Amino acid sequence: MNVENGQIVNRLKDENEIFKAVSSLKDSLFSRNNIDKDTIKKLSKKYEEKAIVLALVCADIITGICIFYANDFENNIAYLSMLVIDNKEQGKGYASILINEMKRICKKKGMRSLRLEVNKGNSKAIRFYTRKGFIKDIETEESYIFITQI
């Protein structure tokens, strides 16, 4: 657990905790895609087994989650799978809190770089990650892959 500016960052390790966190932010996360409970359950199991899941808690309410992998010890590259902040809570610096904690953990695990993929149509995320020091590394038909040094 890490506390920053009154917000608590918890590491979630249990599939049920992860399921509750992802489900609570479902509307902010999957606004473009309709996703069902079974899909969230399958993702939660995968995240429990292979990923690191951070939840940002404000006043006992999960306001954001960050899901990433820091297990590529051959290339020392971490991969951010998901970063989502409740739509009503965006613009308050919460994503930065989660990114900073993720980078701290990745660095501790020996990761040197951090990658993520953003849909080309998600201009808000592209601006955010660019401001955070990420640079476009690869362009595909539908997305950009960004990278930053840790």
Foldseek 3Di string as FASTA:
>chain_A
DDDDPQKDKDKDQDLVVQLVLCVLQVCQFQVPHDDDSVVSSVVSVVQNVFWIKIFIAHPNDTFKMWIKGQPPPVQLEIETEDITGRPVPPPPCPSVVVVVVVVVVSVVSPRFKYKYKDFPVPVVVVVVVVVVPWDFDDDDPTITMTMHTD
